[in-house]
N, C-alpha and C. Protein backbone atom coordinates (compact mmCIF):
# COMPACT_ATOMS: atom_id res chain seq x y z
N MET A 1 237.65 72.07 183.26
CA MET A 1 236.70 72.04 182.15
C MET A 1 237.37 72.72 180.96
N SER A 2 237.32 72.12 179.83
CA SER A 2 237.97 72.66 178.64
C SER A 2 237.13 73.74 177.99
N ALA A 3 237.77 74.53 177.16
CA ALA A 3 237.07 75.59 176.44
C ALA A 3 236.03 75.01 175.51
N TYR A 4 236.33 73.80 174.98
CA TYR A 4 235.39 73.15 174.07
C TYR A 4 234.11 72.78 174.80
N SER A 5 234.21 72.22 176.01
CA SER A 5 233.02 71.82 176.75
C SER A 5 232.21 73.04 177.21
N ILE A 6 232.89 74.13 177.53
CA ILE A 6 232.17 75.36 177.90
C ILE A 6 231.41 75.88 176.68
N GLY A 7 232.03 75.88 175.53
CA GLY A 7 231.36 76.31 174.30
C GLY A 7 230.19 75.42 173.96
N GLU A 8 230.38 74.12 174.20
CA GLU A 8 229.31 73.16 173.93
C GLU A 8 228.11 73.42 174.85
N GLU A 9 228.38 73.66 176.14
CA GLU A 9 227.30 73.97 177.09
C GLU A 9 226.59 75.26 176.71
N LEU A 10 227.36 76.24 176.29
CA LEU A 10 226.78 77.51 175.88
C LEU A 10 225.88 77.31 174.66
N ALA A 11 226.33 76.54 173.70
CA ALA A 11 225.53 76.28 172.49
C ALA A 11 224.25 75.55 172.84
N VAL A 12 224.31 74.57 173.72
CA VAL A 12 223.12 73.83 174.14
C VAL A 12 222.15 74.77 174.85
N GLY A 13 222.68 75.65 175.70
CA GLY A 13 221.85 76.63 176.41
C GLY A 13 221.16 77.58 175.45
N ILE A 14 221.87 78.05 174.44
CA ILE A 14 221.29 78.96 173.45
C ILE A 14 220.20 78.25 172.66
N LEU A 15 220.46 77.01 172.25
CA LEU A 15 219.45 76.25 171.51
C LEU A 15 218.21 76.02 172.37
N HIS A 16 218.40 75.78 173.66
CA HIS A 16 217.25 75.58 174.56
C HIS A 16 216.43 76.87 174.67
N VAL A 17 217.10 78.01 174.81
CA VAL A 17 216.41 79.29 174.89
C VAL A 17 215.66 79.57 173.59
N GLU A 18 216.31 79.30 172.44
CA GLU A 18 215.67 79.53 171.15
C GLU A 18 214.45 78.64 170.97
N SER A 19 214.53 77.38 171.40
CA SER A 19 213.38 76.48 171.27
C SER A 19 212.25 76.92 172.18
N THR A 20 212.57 77.45 173.37
CA THR A 20 211.54 77.95 174.28
C THR A 20 210.85 79.17 173.67
N VAL A 21 211.63 80.07 173.08
CA VAL A 21 211.06 81.25 172.43
C VAL A 21 210.16 80.83 171.28
N THR A 22 210.61 79.86 170.50
CA THR A 22 209.81 79.37 169.38
C THR A 22 208.51 78.75 169.89
N GLU A 23 208.56 77.97 170.96
CA GLU A 23 207.36 77.37 171.53
C GLU A 23 206.39 78.46 172.00
N LEU A 24 206.94 79.50 172.63
CA LEU A 24 206.10 80.62 173.07
C LEU A 24 205.45 81.31 171.88
N GLN A 25 206.23 81.53 170.84
CA GLN A 25 205.69 82.17 169.65
C GLN A 25 204.56 81.35 169.05
N VAL A 26 204.75 80.05 168.98
CA VAL A 26 203.72 79.17 168.42
C VAL A 26 202.47 79.21 169.30
N GLN A 27 202.66 79.15 170.61
CA GLN A 27 201.53 79.17 171.55
C GLN A 27 200.75 80.47 171.43
N VAL A 28 201.43 81.59 171.41
CA VAL A 28 200.77 82.90 171.32
C VAL A 28 200.12 83.06 169.95
N THR A 29 200.80 82.63 168.90
CA THR A 29 200.24 82.73 167.55
C THR A 29 198.97 81.91 167.43
N GLN A 30 198.98 80.71 167.98
CA GLN A 30 197.79 79.86 167.92
C GLN A 30 196.62 80.50 168.66
N LEU A 31 196.87 81.01 169.85
CA LEU A 31 195.81 81.68 170.61
C LEU A 31 195.33 82.94 169.88
N PHE A 32 196.26 83.65 169.25
CA PHE A 32 195.90 84.83 168.48
C PHE A 32 194.94 84.46 167.36
N GLU A 33 195.28 83.41 166.62
CA GLU A 33 194.43 82.97 165.51
C GLU A 33 193.04 82.55 166.01
N GLU A 34 192.98 81.90 167.16
CA GLU A 34 191.71 81.40 167.69
C GLU A 34 190.85 82.50 168.31
N SER A 35 191.47 83.52 168.88
CA SER A 35 190.73 84.46 169.73
C SER A 35 190.67 85.89 169.24
N ARG A 36 191.42 86.24 168.23
CA ARG A 36 191.51 87.66 167.88
C ARG A 36 190.18 88.27 167.46
N GLU A 37 189.37 87.55 166.70
CA GLU A 37 188.09 88.09 166.26
C GLU A 37 187.14 88.29 167.44
N ASP A 38 187.11 87.31 168.35
CA ASP A 38 186.27 87.42 169.54
C ASP A 38 186.70 88.61 170.39
N LEU A 39 188.01 88.74 170.57
CA LEU A 39 188.56 89.83 171.37
C LEU A 39 188.26 91.18 170.71
N TYR A 40 188.40 91.23 169.40
CA TYR A 40 188.13 92.46 168.65
C TYR A 40 186.67 92.88 168.83
N ARG A 41 185.75 91.92 168.66
CA ARG A 41 184.33 92.24 168.83
C ARG A 41 184.04 92.70 170.26
N TYR A 42 184.65 92.05 171.23
CA TYR A 42 184.43 92.45 172.61
C TYR A 42 184.92 93.88 172.84
N LEU A 43 186.07 94.21 172.32
CA LEU A 43 186.59 95.57 172.48
C LEU A 43 185.69 96.60 171.80
N LEU A 44 185.09 96.22 170.67
CA LEU A 44 184.13 97.12 170.03
C LEU A 44 182.93 97.36 170.94
N THR A 45 182.49 96.33 171.65
CA THR A 45 181.34 96.49 172.54
C THR A 45 181.66 97.38 173.73
N LEU A 46 182.94 97.50 174.05
CA LEU A 46 183.34 98.41 175.13
C LEU A 46 183.34 99.87 174.66
N GLY A 47 183.12 100.08 173.36
CA GLY A 47 183.05 101.44 172.84
C GLY A 47 184.29 101.90 172.11
N LEU A 48 185.24 101.01 171.84
CA LEU A 48 186.42 101.39 171.09
C LEU A 48 186.09 101.46 169.61
N THR A 49 186.73 102.36 168.91
CA THR A 49 186.56 102.43 167.46
C THR A 49 187.29 101.24 166.85
N PRO A 50 186.94 100.84 165.62
CA PRO A 50 187.62 99.68 165.01
C PRO A 50 189.15 99.78 164.98
N PRO A 51 189.73 100.93 164.59
CA PRO A 51 191.20 100.98 164.60
C PRO A 51 191.79 100.82 166.01
N ARG A 52 191.15 101.44 166.99
CA ARG A 52 191.66 101.32 168.37
C ARG A 52 191.47 99.91 168.90
N ALA A 53 190.39 99.26 168.50
CA ALA A 53 190.17 97.88 168.93
C ALA A 53 191.23 96.96 168.33
N GLN A 54 191.59 97.20 167.06
CA GLN A 54 192.65 96.39 166.43
C GLN A 54 193.98 96.60 167.16
N GLU A 55 194.29 97.84 167.48
CA GLU A 55 195.53 98.12 168.20
C GLU A 55 195.52 97.46 169.57
N ALA A 56 194.37 97.51 170.23
CA ALA A 56 194.25 96.91 171.56
C ALA A 56 194.46 95.40 171.50
N VAL A 57 193.92 94.75 170.48
CA VAL A 57 194.12 93.30 170.32
C VAL A 57 195.61 93.00 170.20
N GLN A 58 196.30 93.77 169.39
CA GLN A 58 197.74 93.55 169.23
C GLN A 58 198.48 93.78 170.54
N GLU A 59 198.10 94.83 171.25
CA GLU A 59 198.72 95.14 172.54
C GLU A 59 198.52 93.99 173.53
N VAL A 60 197.33 93.45 173.57
CA VAL A 60 197.03 92.35 174.50
C VAL A 60 197.91 91.14 174.21
N PHE A 61 198.06 90.78 172.94
CA PHE A 61 198.86 89.61 172.62
C PHE A 61 200.36 89.86 172.80
N LEU A 62 200.79 91.11 172.64
CA LEU A 62 202.18 91.43 172.97
C LEU A 62 202.41 91.27 174.47
N ARG A 63 201.43 91.71 175.25
CA ARG A 63 201.55 91.56 176.70
C ARG A 63 201.54 90.09 177.11
N LEU A 64 200.74 89.29 176.43
CA LEU A 64 200.71 87.85 176.71
C LEU A 64 202.09 87.24 176.43
N TYR A 65 202.64 87.56 175.29
CA TYR A 65 203.95 87.03 174.93
C TYR A 65 205.00 87.45 175.96
N ALA A 66 204.99 88.73 176.34
CA ALA A 66 205.96 89.22 177.32
C ALA A 66 205.78 88.51 178.66
N ALA A 67 204.54 88.32 179.07
CA ALA A 67 204.29 87.66 180.36
C ALA A 67 204.77 86.21 180.32
N LEU A 68 204.50 85.51 179.23
CA LEU A 68 204.95 84.12 179.12
C LEU A 68 206.47 84.03 179.04
N LYS A 69 207.06 84.98 178.35
CA LYS A 69 208.52 84.99 178.21
C LYS A 69 209.19 85.22 179.56
N LYS A 70 208.54 86.02 180.43
CA LYS A 70 209.06 86.26 181.78
C LYS A 70 208.89 85.04 182.67
N GLY A 71 208.06 84.10 182.22
CA GLY A 71 207.87 82.89 183.00
C GLY A 71 206.61 82.88 183.85
N GLU A 72 205.70 83.83 183.61
CA GLU A 72 204.44 83.83 184.36
C GLU A 72 203.67 82.56 184.07
N ASP A 73 203.04 82.02 185.10
CA ASP A 73 202.24 80.81 184.95
C ASP A 73 200.79 81.23 184.69
N ILE A 74 200.37 81.16 183.44
CA ILE A 74 199.02 81.56 183.05
C ILE A 74 198.22 80.28 182.82
N GLN A 75 197.31 79.99 183.75
CA GLN A 75 196.54 78.74 183.69
C GLN A 75 195.52 78.74 182.56
N ASN A 76 194.87 79.89 182.32
CA ASN A 76 193.81 79.98 181.32
C ASN A 76 194.14 81.16 180.38
N PRO A 77 194.93 80.92 179.35
CA PRO A 77 195.37 82.03 178.48
C PRO A 77 194.21 82.79 177.82
N ARG A 78 193.15 82.09 177.42
CA ARG A 78 192.01 82.77 176.79
C ARG A 78 191.34 83.72 177.79
N GLY A 79 191.13 83.26 178.99
CA GLY A 79 190.56 84.12 180.02
C GLY A 79 191.49 85.28 180.34
N TRP A 80 192.79 85.01 180.35
CA TRP A 80 193.79 86.04 180.65
C TRP A 80 193.74 87.15 179.61
N VAL A 81 193.68 86.77 178.32
CA VAL A 81 193.68 87.81 177.28
C VAL A 81 192.39 88.63 177.34
N PHE A 82 191.26 88.00 177.68
CA PHE A 82 190.03 88.78 177.81
C PHE A 82 190.11 89.72 179.00
N ARG A 83 190.70 89.27 180.09
CA ARG A 83 190.85 90.13 181.27
C ARG A 83 191.72 91.34 180.94
N VAL A 84 192.85 91.09 180.31
CA VAL A 84 193.76 92.18 179.94
C VAL A 84 193.09 93.10 178.91
N ALA A 85 192.39 92.51 177.95
CA ALA A 85 191.69 93.32 176.94
C ALA A 85 190.62 94.18 177.59
N HIS A 86 189.91 93.63 178.54
CA HIS A 86 188.88 94.38 179.25
C HIS A 86 189.49 95.60 179.93
N ASN A 87 190.54 95.37 180.70
CA ASN A 87 191.19 96.48 181.43
C ASN A 87 191.80 97.50 180.46
N TRP A 88 192.48 96.99 179.44
CA TRP A 88 193.11 97.89 178.46
C TRP A 88 192.05 98.67 177.69
N GLY A 89 190.97 97.99 177.30
CA GLY A 89 189.89 98.65 176.57
C GLY A 89 189.25 99.76 177.37
N LEU A 90 189.07 99.54 178.67
CA LEU A 90 188.50 100.59 179.52
C LEU A 90 189.43 101.80 179.61
N LYS A 91 190.75 101.53 179.68
CA LYS A 91 191.72 102.64 179.72
C LYS A 91 191.69 103.44 178.42
N VAL A 92 191.69 102.73 177.30
CA VAL A 92 191.67 103.39 175.99
C VAL A 92 190.37 104.18 175.83
N ARG A 93 189.26 103.57 176.21
CA ARG A 93 187.96 104.24 176.10
C ARG A 93 187.94 105.51 176.95
N ALA A 94 188.47 105.45 178.15
CA ALA A 94 188.51 106.64 179.01
C ALA A 94 189.39 107.72 178.41
N ARG A 95 190.48 107.32 177.79
CA ARG A 95 191.40 108.29 177.19
C ARG A 95 190.74 109.04 176.03
N TYR A 96 189.88 108.35 175.28
CA TYR A 96 189.25 108.95 174.12
C TYR A 96 187.74 109.09 174.31
N ALA A 97 187.31 109.43 175.52
CA ALA A 97 185.89 109.48 175.86
C ALA A 97 185.12 110.54 175.06
N ALA A 98 185.79 111.53 174.56
CA ALA A 98 185.10 112.60 173.84
C ALA A 98 184.61 112.15 172.46
N GLU A 99 185.19 111.07 171.94
CA GLU A 99 184.78 110.60 170.61
C GLU A 99 183.56 109.71 170.73
N ASP A 100 182.67 109.80 169.77
CA ASP A 100 181.45 109.00 169.78
C ASP A 100 181.68 107.64 169.12
N PRO A 101 181.19 106.55 169.74
CA PRO A 101 181.26 105.25 169.07
C PRO A 101 180.20 105.18 167.97
N ILE A 102 180.23 104.13 167.20
CA ILE A 102 179.25 103.95 166.13
C ILE A 102 177.87 103.81 166.76
N GLY A 103 176.93 104.63 166.31
CA GLY A 103 175.58 104.60 166.84
C GLY A 103 174.70 103.65 166.08
N PRO A 104 173.49 103.40 166.59
CA PRO A 104 172.59 102.45 165.95
C PRO A 104 172.18 102.86 164.53
N ASP A 105 172.03 104.16 164.28
CA ASP A 105 171.64 104.60 162.93
C ASP A 105 172.71 104.27 161.90
N LEU A 106 173.95 104.60 162.22
CA LEU A 106 175.05 104.32 161.30
C LEU A 106 175.22 102.81 161.13
N GLU A 107 175.10 102.08 162.23
CA GLU A 107 175.22 100.62 162.17
C GLU A 107 174.17 100.04 161.23
N LEU A 108 172.95 100.53 161.31
CA LEU A 108 171.86 100.03 160.47
C LEU A 108 172.11 100.35 159.00
N ARG A 109 172.55 101.57 158.71
CA ARG A 109 172.82 101.95 157.31
C ARG A 109 173.96 101.13 156.72
N LEU A 110 174.97 100.86 157.52
CA LEU A 110 176.09 100.06 157.02
C LEU A 110 175.68 98.61 156.79
N ALA A 111 174.78 98.11 157.62
CA ALA A 111 174.37 96.71 157.53
C ALA A 111 173.44 96.45 156.36
N SER A 112 172.54 97.40 156.03
CA SER A 112 171.53 97.14 155.00
C SER A 112 171.18 98.41 154.21
N PRO A 113 172.05 98.82 153.30
CA PRO A 113 171.81 100.08 152.59
C PRO A 113 170.72 100.02 151.52
N ALA A 114 170.36 98.83 151.00
CA ALA A 114 169.48 98.78 149.84
C ALA A 114 168.10 98.18 150.13
N GLN A 115 167.57 98.33 151.33
CA GLN A 115 166.25 97.79 151.64
C GLN A 115 165.18 98.84 151.35
N ASN A 116 163.95 98.36 151.28
CA ASN A 116 162.87 99.31 151.02
C ASN A 116 162.65 100.20 152.24
N PRO A 117 162.10 101.40 152.06
CA PRO A 117 161.98 102.37 153.15
C PRO A 117 161.14 101.87 154.33
N GLU A 118 160.05 101.16 154.05
CA GLU A 118 159.20 100.67 155.14
C GLU A 118 159.96 99.66 156.00
N HIS A 119 160.62 98.72 155.34
CA HIS A 119 161.40 97.73 156.08
C HIS A 119 162.53 98.40 156.85
N GLU A 120 163.15 99.39 156.23
CA GLU A 120 164.24 100.12 156.87
C GLU A 120 163.76 100.82 158.14
N LEU A 121 162.58 101.45 158.08
CA LEU A 121 162.03 102.13 159.24
C LEU A 121 161.71 101.14 160.36
N LEU A 122 161.08 100.02 160.02
CA LEU A 122 160.76 99.00 161.03
C LEU A 122 162.03 98.44 161.67
N GLU A 123 163.02 98.18 160.85
CA GLU A 123 164.28 97.65 161.36
C GLU A 123 164.98 98.67 162.24
N ARG A 124 164.96 99.93 161.84
CA ARG A 124 165.58 100.99 162.64
C ARG A 124 164.90 101.09 163.99
N GLU A 125 163.56 101.03 164.01
CA GLU A 125 162.83 101.10 165.28
C GLU A 125 163.16 99.89 166.16
N ARG A 126 163.26 98.72 165.55
CA ARG A 126 163.60 97.51 166.31
C ARG A 126 165.00 97.63 166.91
N MET A 127 165.94 98.11 166.10
CA MET A 127 167.31 98.26 166.58
C MET A 127 167.40 99.33 167.66
N GLU A 128 166.65 100.42 167.52
CA GLU A 128 166.66 101.46 168.55
C GLU A 128 166.10 100.93 169.87
N ARG A 129 165.03 100.13 169.78
CA ARG A 129 164.45 99.53 170.97
C ARG A 129 165.47 98.60 171.64
N PHE A 130 166.14 97.81 170.82
CA PHE A 130 167.16 96.90 171.35
C PHE A 130 168.31 97.67 172.00
N HIS A 131 168.80 98.71 171.33
CA HIS A 131 169.90 99.50 171.88
C HIS A 131 169.49 100.20 173.17
N ARG A 132 168.25 100.68 173.22
CA ARG A 132 167.76 101.29 174.48
C ARG A 132 167.70 100.25 175.58
N ALA A 133 167.24 99.05 175.23
CA ALA A 133 167.15 97.98 176.23
C ALA A 133 168.55 97.61 176.75
N VAL A 134 169.49 97.46 175.83
CA VAL A 134 170.86 97.15 176.25
C VAL A 134 171.44 98.33 177.03
N GLY A 135 171.15 99.55 176.60
CA GLY A 135 171.62 100.73 177.32
C GLY A 135 171.03 100.83 178.71
N GLY A 136 169.86 100.24 178.92
CA GLY A 136 169.23 100.26 180.23
C GLY A 136 169.79 99.22 181.20
N LEU A 137 170.61 98.32 180.68
CA LEU A 137 171.24 97.33 181.56
C LEU A 137 172.34 97.99 182.37
N SER A 138 172.64 97.43 183.52
CA SER A 138 173.76 97.94 184.31
C SER A 138 175.06 97.62 183.56
N GLU A 139 176.12 98.31 183.91
CA GLU A 139 177.42 98.06 183.26
C GLU A 139 177.84 96.61 183.44
N GLN A 140 177.66 96.06 184.64
CA GLN A 140 178.04 94.68 184.90
C GLN A 140 177.20 93.71 184.06
N GLN A 141 175.90 93.99 183.93
CA GLN A 141 175.05 93.13 183.12
C GLN A 141 175.51 93.15 181.67
N LYS A 142 175.81 94.34 181.15
CA LYS A 142 176.28 94.45 179.76
C LYS A 142 177.57 93.68 179.56
N ARG A 143 178.52 93.88 180.46
CA ARG A 143 179.82 93.23 180.30
C ARG A 143 179.68 91.72 180.37
N CYS A 144 178.89 91.22 181.33
CA CYS A 144 178.68 89.77 181.44
C CYS A 144 178.02 89.23 180.18
N LEU A 145 177.02 89.93 179.69
CA LEU A 145 176.29 89.49 178.50
C LEU A 145 177.22 89.46 177.28
N LEU A 146 178.00 90.50 177.10
CA LEU A 146 178.89 90.57 175.94
C LEU A 146 179.99 89.51 176.01
N LEU A 147 180.54 89.28 177.19
CA LEU A 147 181.56 88.24 177.31
C LEU A 147 180.97 86.85 177.09
N ARG A 148 179.75 86.65 177.55
CA ARG A 148 179.08 85.36 177.33
C ARG A 148 178.82 85.16 175.84
N MET A 149 178.45 86.24 175.15
CA MET A 149 178.23 86.16 173.71
C MET A 149 179.52 85.81 172.97
N GLU A 150 180.65 86.15 173.54
CA GLU A 150 181.94 85.82 172.93
C GLU A 150 182.36 84.38 173.23
N GLY A 151 181.55 83.66 174.00
CA GLY A 151 181.83 82.26 174.25
C GLY A 151 182.55 81.96 175.55
N LEU A 152 182.76 82.96 176.39
CA LEU A 152 183.41 82.69 177.65
C LEU A 152 182.43 82.03 178.61
N ARG A 153 182.95 81.12 179.44
CA ARG A 153 182.14 80.44 180.44
C ARG A 153 182.06 81.32 181.68
N TYR A 154 181.12 80.98 182.58
CA TYR A 154 180.93 81.78 183.78
C TYR A 154 182.21 82.01 184.58
N PRO A 155 183.03 80.96 184.83
CA PRO A 155 184.26 81.20 185.59
C PRO A 155 185.23 82.15 184.86
N GLU A 156 185.27 82.05 183.53
CA GLU A 156 186.15 82.95 182.76
C GLU A 156 185.64 84.38 182.83
N ILE A 157 184.33 84.55 182.74
CA ILE A 157 183.75 85.90 182.85
C ILE A 157 184.03 86.44 184.24
N ALA A 158 183.84 85.60 185.25
CA ALA A 158 184.09 86.02 186.63
C ALA A 158 185.54 86.48 186.81
N ALA A 159 186.47 85.71 186.26
CA ALA A 159 187.89 86.08 186.36
C ALA A 159 188.18 87.37 185.60
N THR A 160 187.55 87.54 184.44
CA THR A 160 187.77 88.74 183.64
C THR A 160 187.28 89.99 184.36
N LEU A 161 186.11 89.89 184.99
CA LEU A 161 185.51 91.06 185.62
C LEU A 161 185.84 91.19 187.10
N GLY A 162 186.46 90.16 187.67
CA GLY A 162 186.83 90.22 189.08
C GLY A 162 185.64 90.06 190.02
N ILE A 163 184.67 89.22 189.62
CA ILE A 163 183.51 88.95 190.45
C ILE A 163 183.34 87.43 190.56
N SER A 164 182.37 86.99 191.36
CA SER A 164 182.16 85.54 191.51
C SER A 164 181.34 84.99 190.35
N ALA A 165 181.46 83.69 190.13
CA ALA A 165 180.71 83.04 189.05
C ALA A 165 179.21 83.10 189.33
N SER A 166 178.81 83.04 190.59
CA SER A 166 177.38 83.14 190.91
C SER A 166 176.86 84.55 190.60
N ALA A 167 177.69 85.55 190.81
CA ALA A 167 177.29 86.92 190.46
C ALA A 167 177.13 87.06 188.95
N VAL A 168 178.01 86.40 188.20
CA VAL A 168 177.89 86.39 186.74
C VAL A 168 176.55 85.81 186.34
N GLY A 169 176.20 84.67 186.93
CA GLY A 169 174.92 84.03 186.64
C GLY A 169 173.74 84.94 186.93
N GLU A 170 173.79 85.64 188.04
CA GLU A 170 172.69 86.54 188.41
C GLU A 170 172.61 87.73 187.47
N PHE A 171 173.76 88.31 187.13
CA PHE A 171 173.77 89.44 186.18
C PHE A 171 173.20 89.00 184.83
N LEU A 172 173.59 87.83 184.37
CA LEU A 172 173.09 87.34 183.08
C LEU A 172 171.60 87.04 183.14
N ARG A 173 171.15 86.45 184.22
CA ARG A 173 169.73 86.15 184.35
C ARG A 173 168.90 87.43 184.29
N ARG A 174 169.33 88.44 185.02
CA ARG A 174 168.59 89.72 185.02
C ARG A 174 168.64 90.40 183.66
N ALA A 175 169.80 90.35 182.99
CA ALA A 175 169.94 90.99 181.67
C ALA A 175 169.02 90.32 180.66
N VAL A 176 169.02 89.00 180.63
CA VAL A 176 168.19 88.27 179.66
C VAL A 176 166.71 88.52 179.95
N ALA A 177 166.33 88.53 181.22
CA ALA A 177 164.92 88.78 181.59
C ALA A 177 164.50 90.17 181.10
N ARG A 178 165.36 91.15 181.27
CA ARG A 178 165.02 92.51 180.84
C ARG A 178 164.90 92.60 179.32
N LEU A 179 165.83 91.97 178.61
CA LEU A 179 165.78 92.01 177.14
C LEU A 179 164.57 91.26 176.61
N ARG A 180 164.20 90.16 177.23
CA ARG A 180 162.99 89.45 176.81
C ARG A 180 161.75 90.29 177.03
N LYS A 181 161.72 91.00 178.14
CA LYS A 181 160.58 91.86 178.43
C LYS A 181 160.42 92.93 177.36
N VAL A 182 161.53 93.55 176.96
CA VAL A 182 161.50 94.57 175.92
C VAL A 182 161.07 93.95 174.59
N ARG A 183 161.57 92.76 174.28
CA ARG A 183 161.21 92.08 173.04
C ARG A 183 159.72 91.79 172.98
N ASP A 184 159.14 91.38 174.09
CA ASP A 184 157.73 90.99 174.13
C ASP A 184 156.78 92.18 174.16
N GLU A 185 157.29 93.37 174.42
CA GLU A 185 156.42 94.56 174.48
C GLU A 185 156.00 95.02 173.11
């Protein structure tokens, strides 16, 4: 084999590796564009502060890129990033457990600063009732409900939380029934 043919094979190999890296970058970038807001909101619901949730989103997509680059076969990338975000978010939340997340009062003031006092009081009471109702749900019910709100299907939620799809359905049914009961009171 001549030196020219070895160089030619090497060049073809390098171009193949570069095109694979580019394909991975495009795939991860596209998923990032489609899912980052949903992932960010989900991480906020786990109790992360906005800056930590943004960092966690970036960390999750870096991990996705690294996993794909290693050759991992990820059948459902959207479900995978939610699963990794869930686990990472719980770790980050545990690390910074002493800090308080945004409470319902601050959330209400940020959402509607210029309303009349009577409407503000009624809205605050409604939001407090809602937050108490959500706070009264089990952790699994909350997580299933929040992931469903982000658009994940039952099998994706099940994979994210490590439970069966039928368990997801039962948790969601109980959560919705409880929230309706509070709403109707």
